[in-house]
PDB file of all heavy atoms in Angstrom:
ATOM      1  N   ALA A   1      -6.945   2.644  -7.933  1.00  0.00           N
ATOM      2  CA  ALA A   1      -5.713   2.256  -8.614  1.00  0.00           C
ATOM      3  C   ALA A   1      -5.662   0.754  -8.840  1.00  0.00           C
ATOM      4  O   ALA A   1      -5.247   0.278  -9.910  1.00  0.00           O
ATOM      5  CB  ALA A   1      -4.505   2.708  -7.801  1.00  0.00           C
ATOM      6  N   LEU A   2      -6.105  -0.003  -7.856  1.00  0.00           N
ATOM      7  CA  LEU A   2      -6.143  -1.457  -7.990  1.00  0.00           C
ATOM      8  C   LEU A   2      -7.110  -1.862  -9.086  1.00  0.00           C
ATOM      9  O   LEU A   2      -6.826  -2.781  -9.873  1.00  0.00           O
ATOM     10  CB  LEU A   2      -6.548  -2.096  -6.655  1.00  0.00           C
ATOM     11  CG  LEU A   2      -6.724  -3.616  -6.629  1.00  0.00           C
ATOM     12  CD1 LEU A   2      -5.460  -4.329  -7.087  1.00  0.00           C
ATOM     13  CD2 LEU A   2      -7.115  -4.075  -5.220  1.00  0.00           C
ATOM     14  N   GLY A   3      -8.252  -1.176  -9.181  1.00  0.00           N
ATOM     15  CA  GLY A   3      -9.206  -1.471 -10.240  1.00  0.00           C
ATOM     16  C   GLY A   3      -8.629  -1.244 -11.620  1.00  0.00           C
ATOM     17  O   GLY A   3      -8.842  -2.048 -12.541  1.00  0.00           O
ATOM     18  N   VAL A   4      -7.877  -0.154 -11.793  1.00  0.00           N
ATOM     19  CA  VAL A   4      -7.235   0.108 -13.082  1.00  0.00           C
ATOM     20  C   VAL A   4      -6.216  -0.980 -13.406  1.00  0.00           C
ATOM     21  O   VAL A   4      -6.161  -1.484 -14.535  1.00  0.00           O
ATOM     22  CB  VAL A   4      -6.552   1.490 -13.082  1.00  0.00           C
ATOM     23  CG1 VAL A   4      -5.753   1.684 -14.375  1.00  0.00           C
ATOM     24  CG2 VAL A   4      -7.570   2.604 -12.933  1.00  0.00           C
ATOM     25  N   ALA A   5      -5.420  -1.365 -12.423  1.00  0.00           N
ATOM     26  CA  ALA A   5      -4.421  -2.414 -12.642  1.00  0.00           C
ATOM     27  C   ALA A   5      -5.088  -3.729 -13.037  1.00  0.00           C
ATOM     28  O   ALA A   5      -4.613  -4.429 -13.944  1.00  0.00           O
ATOM     29  CB  ALA A   5      -3.570  -2.595 -11.391  1.00  0.00           C
ATOM     30  N   ASN A   6      -6.187  -4.065 -12.379  1.00  0.00           N
ATOM     31  CA  ASN A   6      -6.905  -5.293 -12.716  1.00  0.00           C
ATOM     32  C   ASN A   6      -7.458  -5.240 -14.133  1.00  0.00           C
ATOM     33  O   ASN A   6      -7.371  -6.228 -14.883  1.00  0.00           O
ATOM     34  CB  ASN A   6      -8.045  -5.524 -11.721  1.00  0.00           C
ATOM     35  CG  ASN A   6      -7.563  -5.955 -10.349  1.00  0.00           C
ATOM     36  OD1 ASN A   6      -6.463  -6.475 -10.211  1.00  0.00           O
ATOM     37  ND2 ASN A   6      -8.389  -5.741  -9.334  1.00  0.00           N
ATOM     38  N   ALA A   7      -8.035  -4.094 -14.497  1.00  0.00           N
ATOM     39  CA  ALA A   7      -8.603  -3.949 -15.842  1.00  0.00           C
ATOM     40  C   ALA A   7      -7.514  -4.014 -16.908  1.00  0.00           C
ATOM     41  O   ALA A   7      -7.699  -4.617 -17.979  1.00  0.00           O
ATOM     42  CB  ALA A   7      -9.373  -2.636 -15.944  1.00  0.00           C
ATOM     43  N   ALA A   8      -6.366  -3.407 -16.637  1.00  0.00           N
ATOM     44  CA  ALA A   8      -5.260  -3.449 -17.587  1.00  0.00           C
ATOM     45  C   ALA A   8      -4.737  -4.867 -17.751  1.00  0.00           C
ATOM     46  O   ALA A   8      -4.460  -5.323 -18.877  1.00  0.00           O
ATOM     47  CB  ALA A   8      -4.135  -2.526 -17.122  1.00  0.00           C
ATOM     48  N   LYS A   9      -4.624  -5.588 -16.653  1.00  0.00           N
ATOM     49  CA  LYS A   9      -4.142  -6.965 -16.718  1.00  0.00           C
ATOM     50  C   LYS A   9      -5.092  -7.835 -17.527  1.00  0.00           C
ATOM     51  O   LYS A   9      -4.660  -8.646 -18.358  1.00  0.00           O
ATOM     52  CB  LYS A   9      -3.984  -7.524 -15.309  1.00  0.00           C
ATOM     53  CG  LYS A   9      -3.354  -8.913 -15.264  1.00  0.00           C
ATOM     54  CD  LYS A   9      -3.091  -9.345 -13.836  1.00  0.00           C
ATOM     55  CE  LYS A   9      -2.385 -10.702 -13.789  1.00  0.00           C
ATOM     56  NZ  LYS A   9      -2.095 -11.119 -12.390  1.00  0.00           N
ATOM     57  N   THR A  10      -6.390  -7.667 -17.322  1.00  0.00           N
ATOM     58  CA  THR A  10      -7.382  -8.434 -18.086  1.00  0.00           C
ATOM     59  C   THR A  10      -7.285  -8.126 -19.573  1.00  0.00           C
ATOM     60  O   THR A  10      -7.456  -9.016 -20.418  1.00  0.00           O
ATOM     61  CB  THR A  10      -8.801  -8.131 -17.571  1.00  0.00           C
ATOM     62  OG1 THR A  10      -8.888  -8.509 -16.191  1.00  0.00           O
ATOM     63  CG2 THR A  10      -9.851  -8.882 -18.373  1.00  0.00           C
ATOM     64  N   ALA A  11      -6.989  -6.862 -19.890  1.00  0.00           N
ATOM     65  CA  ALA A  11      -6.857  -6.456 -21.294  1.00  0.00           C
ATOM     66  C   ALA A  11      -5.506  -6.840 -21.888  1.00  0.00           C
ATOM     67  O   ALA A  11      -5.279  -6.636 -23.087  1.00  0.00           O
ATOM     68  CB  ALA A  11      -7.062  -4.951 -21.415  1.00  0.00           C
ATOM     69  N   GLY A  12      -4.619  -7.368 -21.057  1.00  0.00           N
ATOM     70  CA  GLY A  12      -3.308  -7.778 -21.550  1.00  0.00           C
ATOM     71  C   GLY A  12      -2.349  -6.633 -21.772  1.00  0.00           C
ATOM     72  O   GLY A  12      -1.416  -6.751 -22.575  1.00  0.00           O
ATOM     73  N   LEU A  13      -2.554  -5.520 -21.045  1.00  0.00           N
ATOM     74  CA  LEU A  13      -1.700  -4.352 -21.210  1.00  0.00           C
ATOM     75  C   LEU A  13      -0.875  -4.088 -19.957  1.00  0.00           C
ATOM     76  O   LEU A  13      -1.393  -4.161 -18.840  1.00  0.00           O
ATOM     77  CB  LEU A  13      -2.553  -3.111 -21.494  1.00  0.00           C
ATOM     78  CG  LEU A  13      -3.178  -3.018 -22.886  1.00  0.00           C
ATOM     79  CD1 LEU A  13      -4.185  -1.873 -22.927  1.00  0.00           C
ATOM     80  CD2 LEU A  13      -2.100  -2.812 -23.945  1.00  0.00           C
ATOM     81  N   PRO A  14       0.403  -3.772 -20.114  1.00  0.00           N
ATOM     82  CA  PRO A  14       1.192  -3.325 -18.956  1.00  0.00           C
ATOM     83  C   PRO A  14       0.600  -2.029 -18.410  1.00  0.00           C
ATOM     84  O   PRO A  14      -0.064  -1.284 -19.148  1.00  0.00           O
ATOM     85  CB  PRO A  14       2.588  -3.083 -19.545  1.00  0.00           C
ATOM     86  CG  PRO A  14       2.586  -3.754 -20.878  1.00  0.00           C
ATOM     87  CD  PRO A  14       1.174  -3.750 -21.359  1.00  0.00           C
ATOM     88  N   CYS A  15       0.836  -1.745 -17.145  1.00  0.00           N
ATOM     89  CA  CYS A  15       0.286  -0.512 -16.587  1.00  0.00           C
ATOM     90  C   CYS A  15       1.261   0.167 -15.649  1.00  0.00           C
ATOM     91  O   CYS A  15       2.171  -0.461 -15.095  1.00  0.00           O
ATOM     92  CB  CYS A  15      -1.039  -0.772 -15.880  1.00  0.00           C
ATOM     93  SG  CYS A  15      -0.906  -1.598 -14.282  1.00  0.00           S
ATOM     94  N   VAL A  16       1.044   1.462 -15.513  1.00  0.00           N
ATOM     95  CA  VAL A  16       1.759   2.307 -14.567  1.00  0.00           C
ATOM     96  C   VAL A  16       0.709   2.988 -13.706  1.00  0.00           C
ATOM     97  O   VAL A  16      -0.313   3.447 -14.217  1.00  0.00           O
ATOM     98  CB  VAL A  16       2.614   3.362 -15.292  1.00  0.00           C
ATOM     99  CG1 VAL A  16       3.126   4.418 -14.321  1.00  0.00           C
ATOM    100  CG2 VAL A  16       3.770   2.705 -16.029  1.00  0.00           C
ATOM    101  N   ILE A  17       0.943   3.058 -12.414  1.00  0.00           N
ATOM    102  CA  ILE A  17       0.038   3.735 -11.501  1.00  0.00           C
ATOM    103  C   ILE A  17       0.732   4.971 -10.958  1.00  0.00           C
ATOM    104  O   ILE A  17       1.823   4.884 -10.385  1.00  0.00           O
ATOM    105  CB  ILE A  17      -0.368   2.825 -10.320  1.00  0.00           C
ATOM    106  CG1 ILE A  17      -1.021   1.536 -10.830  1.00  0.00           C
ATOM    107  CG2 ILE A  17      -1.283   3.576  -9.357  1.00  0.00           C
ATOM    108  CD1 ILE A  17      -2.334   1.732 -11.562  1.00  0.00           C
ATOM    109  N   SER A  18       0.101   6.135 -11.146  1.00  0.00           N
ATOM    110  CA  SER A  18       0.660   7.382 -10.657  1.00  0.00           C
ATOM    111  C   SER A  18      -0.263   7.971  -9.596  1.00  0.00           C
ATOM    112  O   SER A  18      -1.408   8.318  -9.870  1.00  0.00           O
ATOM    113  CB  SER A  18       0.838   8.377 -11.807  1.00  0.00           C
ATOM    114  OG  SER A  18       1.464   9.559 -11.358  1.00  0.00           O
ATOM    115  N   PHE A  19       0.249   8.079  -8.378  1.00  0.00           N
ATOM    116  CA  PHE A  19      -0.525   8.634  -7.269  1.00  0.00           C
ATOM    117  C   PHE A  19      -0.272  10.129  -7.134  1.00  0.00           C
ATOM    118  O   PHE A  19       0.804  10.628  -7.459  1.00  0.00           O
ATOM    119  CB  PHE A  19      -0.144   7.959  -5.952  1.00  0.00           C
ATOM    120  CG  PHE A  19      -0.642   6.544  -5.817  1.00  0.00           C
ATOM    121  CD1 PHE A  19       0.247   5.480  -5.840  1.00  0.00           C
ATOM    122  CD2 PHE A  19      -1.993   6.280  -5.652  1.00  0.00           C
ATOM    123  CE1 PHE A  19      -0.202   4.171  -5.696  1.00  0.00           C
ATOM    124  CE2 PHE A  19      -2.449   4.973  -5.515  1.00  0.00           C
ATOM    125  CZ  PHE A  19      -1.556   3.921  -5.535  1.00  0.00           C
ATOM    126  N   THR A  20      -1.269  10.837  -6.625  1.00  0.00           N
ATOM    127  CA  THR A  20      -1.071  12.216  -6.205  1.00  0.00           C
ATOM    128  C   THR A  20      -1.071  12.261  -4.686  1.00  0.00           C
ATOM    129  O   THR A  20      -1.675  11.407  -4.041  1.00  0.00           O
ATOM    130  CB  THR A  20      -2.147  13.155  -6.773  1.00  0.00           C
ATOM    131  OG1 THR A  20      -1.798  14.513  -6.484  1.00  0.00           O
ATOM    132  CG2 THR A  20      -3.523  12.867  -6.183  1.00  0.00           C
ATOM    133  N   VAL A  21      -0.380  13.250  -4.133  1.00  0.00           N
ATOM    134  CA  VAL A  21      -0.305  13.380  -2.681  1.00  0.00           C
ATOM    135  C   VAL A  21      -0.576  14.823  -2.274  1.00  0.00           C
ATOM    136  O   VAL A  21      -0.445  15.756  -3.068  1.00  0.00           O
ATOM    137  CB  VAL A  21       1.073  12.938  -2.133  1.00  0.00           C
ATOM    138  CG1 VAL A  21       1.316  11.464  -2.395  1.00  0.00           C
ATOM    139  CG2 VAL A  21       2.203  13.787  -2.715  1.00  0.00           C
ATOM    140  N   GLU A  22      -0.951  14.982  -1.013  1.00  0.00           N
ATOM    141  CA  GLU A  22      -1.148  16.305  -0.433  1.00  0.00           C
ATOM    142  C   GLU A  22       0.183  16.847   0.082  1.00  0.00           C
ATOM    143  O   GLU A  22       1.230  16.213  -0.071  1.00  0.00           O
ATOM    144  CB  GLU A  22      -2.177  16.215   0.704  1.00  0.00           C
ATOM    145  CG  GLU A  22      -3.546  15.699   0.261  1.00  0.00           C
ATOM    146  CD  GLU A  22      -4.280  16.665  -0.648  1.00  0.00           C
ATOM    147  OE1 GLU A  22      -3.870  17.841  -0.746  1.00  0.00           O
ATOM    148  OE2 GLU A  22      -5.270  16.259  -1.283  1.00  0.00           O
ATOM    149  N   THR A  23       0.146  18.012   0.717  1.00  0.00           N
ATOM    150  CA  THR A  23       1.387  18.645   1.168  1.00  0.00           C
ATOM    151  C   THR A  23       2.092  17.851   2.258  1.00  0.00           C
ATOM    152  O   THR A  23       3.273  18.086   2.529  1.00  0.00           O
ATOM    153  CB  THR A  23       1.118  20.068   1.674  1.00  0.00           C
ATOM    154  OG1 THR A  23       0.110  20.023   2.697  1.00  0.00           O
ATOM    155  CG2 THR A  23       0.630  20.963   0.537  1.00  0.00           C
ATOM    156  N   ASP A  24       1.372  16.904   2.886  1.00  0.00           N
ATOM    157  CA  ASP A  24       1.996  16.060   3.912  1.00  0.00           C
ATOM    158  C   ASP A  24       2.593  14.779   3.346  1.00  0.00           C
ATOM    159  O   ASP A  24       3.074  13.926   4.089  1.00  0.00           O
ATOM    160  CB  ASP A  24       0.995  15.721   5.017  1.00  0.00           C
ATOM    161  CG  ASP A  24      -0.194  14.895   4.507  1.00  0.00           C
ATOM    162  OD1 ASP A  24      -0.260  14.613   3.288  1.00  0.00           O
ATOM    163  OD2 ASP A  24      -1.055  14.535   5.330  1.00  0.00           O
ATOM    164  N   GLY A  25       2.565  14.650   2.014  1.00  0.00           N
ATOM    165  CA  GLY A  25       3.144  13.476   1.375  1.00  0.00           C
ATOM    166  C   GLY A  25       2.248  12.260   1.354  1.00  0.00           C
ATOM    167  O   GLY A  25       2.655  11.198   0.871  1.00  0.00           O
ATOM    168  N   HIS A  26       1.018  12.381   1.857  1.00  0.00           N
ATOM    169  CA  HIS A  26       0.070  11.276   1.871  1.00  0.00           C
ATOM    170  C   HIS A  26      -0.991  11.456   0.782  1.00  0.00           C
ATOM    171  O   HIS A  26      -1.272  12.577   0.350  1.00  0.00           O
ATOM    172  CB  HIS A  26      -0.628  11.175   3.226  1.00  0.00           C
ATOM    173  CG  HIS A  26       0.246  10.641   4.319  1.00  0.00           C
ATOM    174  ND1 HIS A  26       1.296  11.365   4.846  1.00  0.00           N
ATOM    175  CD2 HIS A  26       0.237   9.455   4.977  1.00  0.00           C
ATOM    176  CE1 HIS A  26       1.891  10.659   5.792  1.00  0.00           C
ATOM    177  NE2 HIS A  26       1.286   9.484   5.889  1.00  0.00           N
ATOM    178  N   LEU A  27      -1.579  10.350   0.352  1.00  0.00           N
ATOM    179  CA  LEU A  27      -2.693  10.410  -0.581  1.00  0.00           C
ATOM    180  C   LEU A  27      -3.832  11.216   0.042  1.00  0.00           C
ATOM    181  O   LEU A  27      -3.903  11.351   1.276  1.00  0.00           O
ATOM    182  CB  LEU A  27      -3.186   9.005  -0.921  1.00  0.00           C
ATOM    183  CG  LEU A  27      -2.483   8.244  -2.052  1.00  0.00           C
ATOM    184  CD1 LEU A  27      -1.023   8.024  -1.752  1.00  0.00           C
ATOM    185  CD2 LEU A  27      -3.192   6.913  -2.328  1.00  0.00           C
ATOM    186  N   PRO A  28      -4.750  11.760  -0.767  1.00  0.00           N
ATOM    187  CA  PRO A  28      -5.884  12.503  -0.205  1.00  0.00           C
ATOM    188  C   PRO A  28      -6.725  11.690   0.779  1.00  0.00           C
ATOM    189  O   PRO A  28      -7.431  12.278   1.605  1.00  0.00           O
ATOM    190  CB  PRO A  28      -6.696  12.882  -1.452  1.00  0.00           C
ATOM    191  CG  PRO A  28      -5.673  12.997  -2.530  1.00  0.00           C
ATOM    192  CD  PRO A  28      -4.701  11.887  -2.236  1.00  0.00           C
ATOM    193  N   THR A  29      -6.655  10.372   0.714  1.00  0.00           N
ATOM    194  CA  THR A  29      -7.363   9.533   1.686  1.00  0.00           C
ATOM    195  C   THR A  29      -6.645   9.452   3.022  1.00  0.00           C
ATOM    196  O   THR A  29      -7.191   8.908   3.986  1.00  0.00           O
ATOM    197  CB  THR A  29      -7.527   8.105   1.140  1.00  0.00           C
ATOM    198  OG1 THR A  29      -6.221   7.594   0.804  1.00  0.00           O
ATOM    199  CG2 THR A  29      -8.423   8.070  -0.082  1.00  0.00           C
ATOM    200  N   GLY A  30      -5.405   9.944   3.095  1.00  0.00           N
ATOM    201  CA  GLY A  30      -4.605   9.848   4.304  1.00  0.00           C
ATOM    202  C   GLY A  30      -3.628   8.695   4.289  1.00  0.00           C
ATOM    203  O   GLY A  30      -2.759   8.594   5.167  1.00  0.00           O
ATOM    204  N   GLN A  31      -3.747   7.804   3.304  1.00  0.00           N
ATOM    205  CA  GLN A  31      -2.832   6.670   3.205  1.00  0.00           C
ATOM    206  C   GLN A  31      -1.462   7.145   2.734  1.00  0.00           C
ATOM    207  O   GLN A  31      -1.353   8.048   1.898  1.00  0.00           O
ATOM    208  CB  GLN A  31      -3.391   5.638   2.231  1.00  0.00           C
ATOM    209  CG  GLN A  31      -2.617   4.327   2.168  1.00  0.00           C
ATOM    210  CD  GLN A  31      -3.248   3.329   1.197  1.00  0.00           C
ATOM    211  OE1 GLN A  31      -3.823   3.706   0.169  1.00  0.00           O
ATOM    212  NE2 GLN A  31      -3.170   2.050   1.538  1.00  0.00           N
ATOM    213  N   SER A  32      -0.408   6.551   3.244  1.00  0.00           N
ATOM    214  CA  SER A  32       0.931   6.924   2.812  1.00  0.00           C
ATOM    215  C   SER A  32       1.244   6.281   1.463  1.00  0.00           C
ATOM    216  O   SER A  32       0.645   5.269   1.075  1.00  0.00           O
ATOM    217  CB  SER A  32       1.973   6.498   3.842  1.00  0.00           C
ATOM    218  OG  SER A  32       2.130   5.084   3.837  1.00  0.00           O
ATOM    219  N   LEU A  33       2.208   6.868   0.753  1.00  0.00           N
ATOM    220  CA  LEU A  33       2.666   6.279  -0.503  1.00  0.00           C
ATOM    221  C   LEU A  33       3.192   4.872  -0.283  1.00  0.00           C
ATOM    222  O   LEU A  33       2.915   3.956  -1.072  1.00  0.00           O
ATOM    223  CB  LEU A  33       3.767   7.142  -1.116  1.00  0.00           C
ATOM    224  CG  LEU A  33       3.371   8.262  -2.069  1.00  0.00           C
ATOM    225  CD1 LEU A  33       4.590   9.103  -2.401  1.00  0.00           C
ATOM    226  CD2 LEU A  33       2.737   7.708  -3.328  1.00  0.00           C
ATOM    227  N   ALA A  34       3.949   4.704   0.770  1.00  0.00           N
ATOM    228  CA  ALA A  34       4.507   3.387   1.073  1.00  0.00           C
ATOM    229  C   ALA A  34       3.392   2.358   1.237  1.00  0.00           C
ATOM    230  O   ALA A  34       3.479   1.243   0.700  1.00  0.00           O
ATOM    231  CB  ALA A  34       5.361   3.455   2.335  1.00  0.00           C
ATOM    232  N   GLU A  35       2.348   2.714   1.970  1.00  0.00           N
ATOM    233  CA  GLU A  35       1.236   1.790   2.195  1.00  0.00           C
ATOM    234  C   GLU A  35       0.485   1.494   0.906  1.00  0.00           C
ATOM    235  O   GLU A  35       0.126   0.343   0.630  1.00  0.00           O
ATOM    236  CB  GLU A  35       0.281   2.382   3.231  1.00  0.00           C
ATOM    237  CG  GLU A  35       0.848   2.462   4.634  1.00  0.00           C
ATOM    238  CD  GLU A  35      -0.004   3.286   5.576  1.00  0.00           C
ATOM    239  OE1 GLU A  35      -0.813   4.110   5.090  1.00  0.00           O
ATOM    240  OE2 GLU A  35       0.144   3.124   6.800  1.00  0.00           O
ATOM    241  N   ALA A  36       0.248   2.528   0.093  1.00  0.00           N
ATOM    242  CA  ALA A  36      -0.507   2.342  -1.150  1.00  0.00           C
ATOM    243  C   ALA A  36       0.246   1.447  -2.122  1.00  0.00           C
ATOM    244  O   ALA A  36      -0.331   0.527  -2.726  1.00  0.00           O
ATOM    245  CB  ALA A  36      -0.798   3.698  -1.780  1.00  0.00           C
ATOM    246  N   ILE A  37       1.527   1.703  -2.307  1.00  0.00           N
ATOM    247  CA  ILE A  37       2.323   0.914  -3.249  1.00  0.00           C
ATOM    248  C   ILE A  37       2.480  -0.516  -2.753  1.00  0.00           C
ATOM    249  O   ILE A  37       2.350  -1.475  -3.528  1.00  0.00           O
ATOM    250  CB  ILE A  37       3.686   1.596  -3.476  1.00  0.00           C
ATOM    251  CG1 ILE A  37       3.485   2.892  -4.255  1.00  0.00           C
ATOM    252  CG2 ILE A  37       4.648   0.661  -4.207  1.00  0.00           C
ATOM    253  CD1 ILE A  37       4.722   3.751  -4.362  1.00  0.00           C
ATOM    254  N   THR A  38       2.729  -0.671  -1.473  1.00  0.00           N
ATOM    255  CA  THR A  38       2.858  -2.016  -0.907  1.00  0.00           C
ATOM    256  C   THR A  38       1.562  -2.798  -1.052  1.00  0.00           C
ATOM    257  O   THR A  38       1.570  -3.994  -1.396  1.00  0.00           O
ATOM    258  CB  THR A  38       3.252  -1.930   0.577  1.00  0.00           C
ATOM    259  OG1 THR A  38       4.502  -1.234   0.684  1.00  0.00           O
ATOM    260  CG2 THR A  38       3.395  -3.312   1.188  1.00  0.00           C
ATOM    261  N   GLU A  39       0.427  -2.127  -0.833  1.00  0.00           N
ATOM    262  CA  GLU A  39      -0.876  -2.786  -0.975  1.00  0.00           C
ATOM    263  C   GLU A  39      -1.117  -3.239  -2.411  1.00  0.00           C
ATOM    264  O   GLU A  39      -1.529  -4.380  -2.655  1.00  0.00           O
ATOM    265  CB  GLU A  39      -1.988  -1.835  -0.545  1.00  0.00           C
ATOM    266  CG  GLU A  39      -3.391  -2.401  -0.725  1.00  0.00           C
ATOM    267  CD  GLU A  39      -4.491  -1.398  -0.411  1.00  0.00           C
ATOM    268  OE1 GLU A  39      -4.186  -0.320   0.153  1.00  0.00           O
ATOM    269  OE2 GLU A  39      -5.652  -1.682  -0.749  1.00  0.00           O
ATOM    270  N   LEU A  40      -0.849  -2.345  -3.379  1.00  0.00           N
ATOM    271  CA  LEU A  40      -1.093  -2.715  -4.773  1.00  0.00           C
ATOM    272  C   LEU A  40      -0.171  -3.843  -5.225  1.00  0.00           C
ATOM    273  O   LEU A  40      -0.606  -4.757  -5.944  1.00  0.00           O
ATOM    274  CB  LEU A  40      -0.932  -1.493  -5.681  1.00  0.00           C
ATOM    275  CG  LEU A  40      -2.274  -0.912  -6.166  1.00  0.00           C
ATOM    276  CD1 LEU A  40      -3.008  -0.239  -5.015  1.00  0.00           C
ATOM    277  CD2 LEU A  40      -2.078   0.040  -7.317  1.00  0.00           C
ATOM    278  N   ASP A  41       1.078  -3.782  -4.837  1.00  0.00           N
ATOM    279  CA  ASP A  41       1.996  -4.861  -5.220  1.00  0.00           C
ATOM    280  C   ASP A  41       1.561  -6.191  -4.611  1.00  0.00           C
ATOM    281  O   ASP A  41       1.660  -7.246  -5.253  1.00  0.00           O
ATOM    282  CB  ASP A  41       3.422  -4.519  -4.792  1.00  0.00           C
ATOM    283  CG  ASP A  41       4.177  -3.723  -5.842  1.00  0.00           C
ATOM    284  OD1 ASP A  41       3.671  -3.610  -6.970  1.00  0.00           O
ATOM    285  OD2 ASP A  41       5.266  -3.213  -5.537  1.00  0.00           O
ATOM    286  N   ARG A  42       1.072  -6.137  -3.391  1.00  0.00           N
ATOM    287  CA  ARG A  42       0.603  -7.361  -2.743  1.00  0.00           C
ATOM    288  C   ARG A  42      -0.638  -7.911  -3.446  1.00  0.00           C
ATOM    289  O   ARG A  42      -0.733  -9.109  -3.732  1.00  0.00           O
ATOM    290  CB  ARG A  42       0.295  -7.074  -1.266  1.00  0.00           C
ATOM    291  CG  ARG A  42      -0.183  -8.321  -0.499  1.00  0.00           C
ATOM    292  CD  ARG A  42      -0.496  -8.000   0.947  1.00  0.00           C
ATOM    293  NE  ARG A  42      -1.631  -7.086   1.080  1.00  0.00           N
ATOM    294  CZ  ARG A  42      -1.540  -5.835   1.513  1.00  0.00           C
ATOM    295  NH1 ARG A  42      -0.373  -5.320   1.861  1.00  0.00           N
ATOM    296  NH2 ARG A  42      -2.615  -5.074   1.594  1.00  0.00           N
ATOM    297  N   GLU A  43      -1.588  -7.041  -3.766  1.00  0.00           N
ATOM    298  CA  GLU A  43      -2.854  -7.479  -4.342  1.00  0.00           C
ATOM    299  C   GLU A  43      -2.738  -7.871  -5.815  1.00  0.00           C
ATOM    300  O   GLU A  43      -3.568  -8.628  -6.320  1.00  0.00           O
ATOM    301  CB  GLU A  43      -3.911  -6.375  -4.192  1.00  0.00           C
ATOM    302  CG  GLU A  43      -4.273  -6.042  -2.752  1.00  0.00           C
ATOM    303  CD  GLU A  43      -4.933  -7.202  -2.042  1.00  0.00           C
ATOM    304  OE1 GLU A  43      -5.666  -7.975  -2.708  1.00  0.00           O
ATOM    305  OE2 GLU A  43      -4.727  -7.355  -0.821  1.00  0.00           O
TER     306      GLU A  43
END
C-alpha cells in the first residue's frame, strides 16, 4: 500500500488506499487496520 501511495504521489495523482481484512478484523498479515493506517499516514 505504501508503494502504491509513493508511486501515485510521484505521478502527481491523489490516491485512496483500500485494505481487506480477515474475519478477525486484521489484515491477512495479522496487522490491525489501526496500525496499517497509522503507519501509512506516518510514512
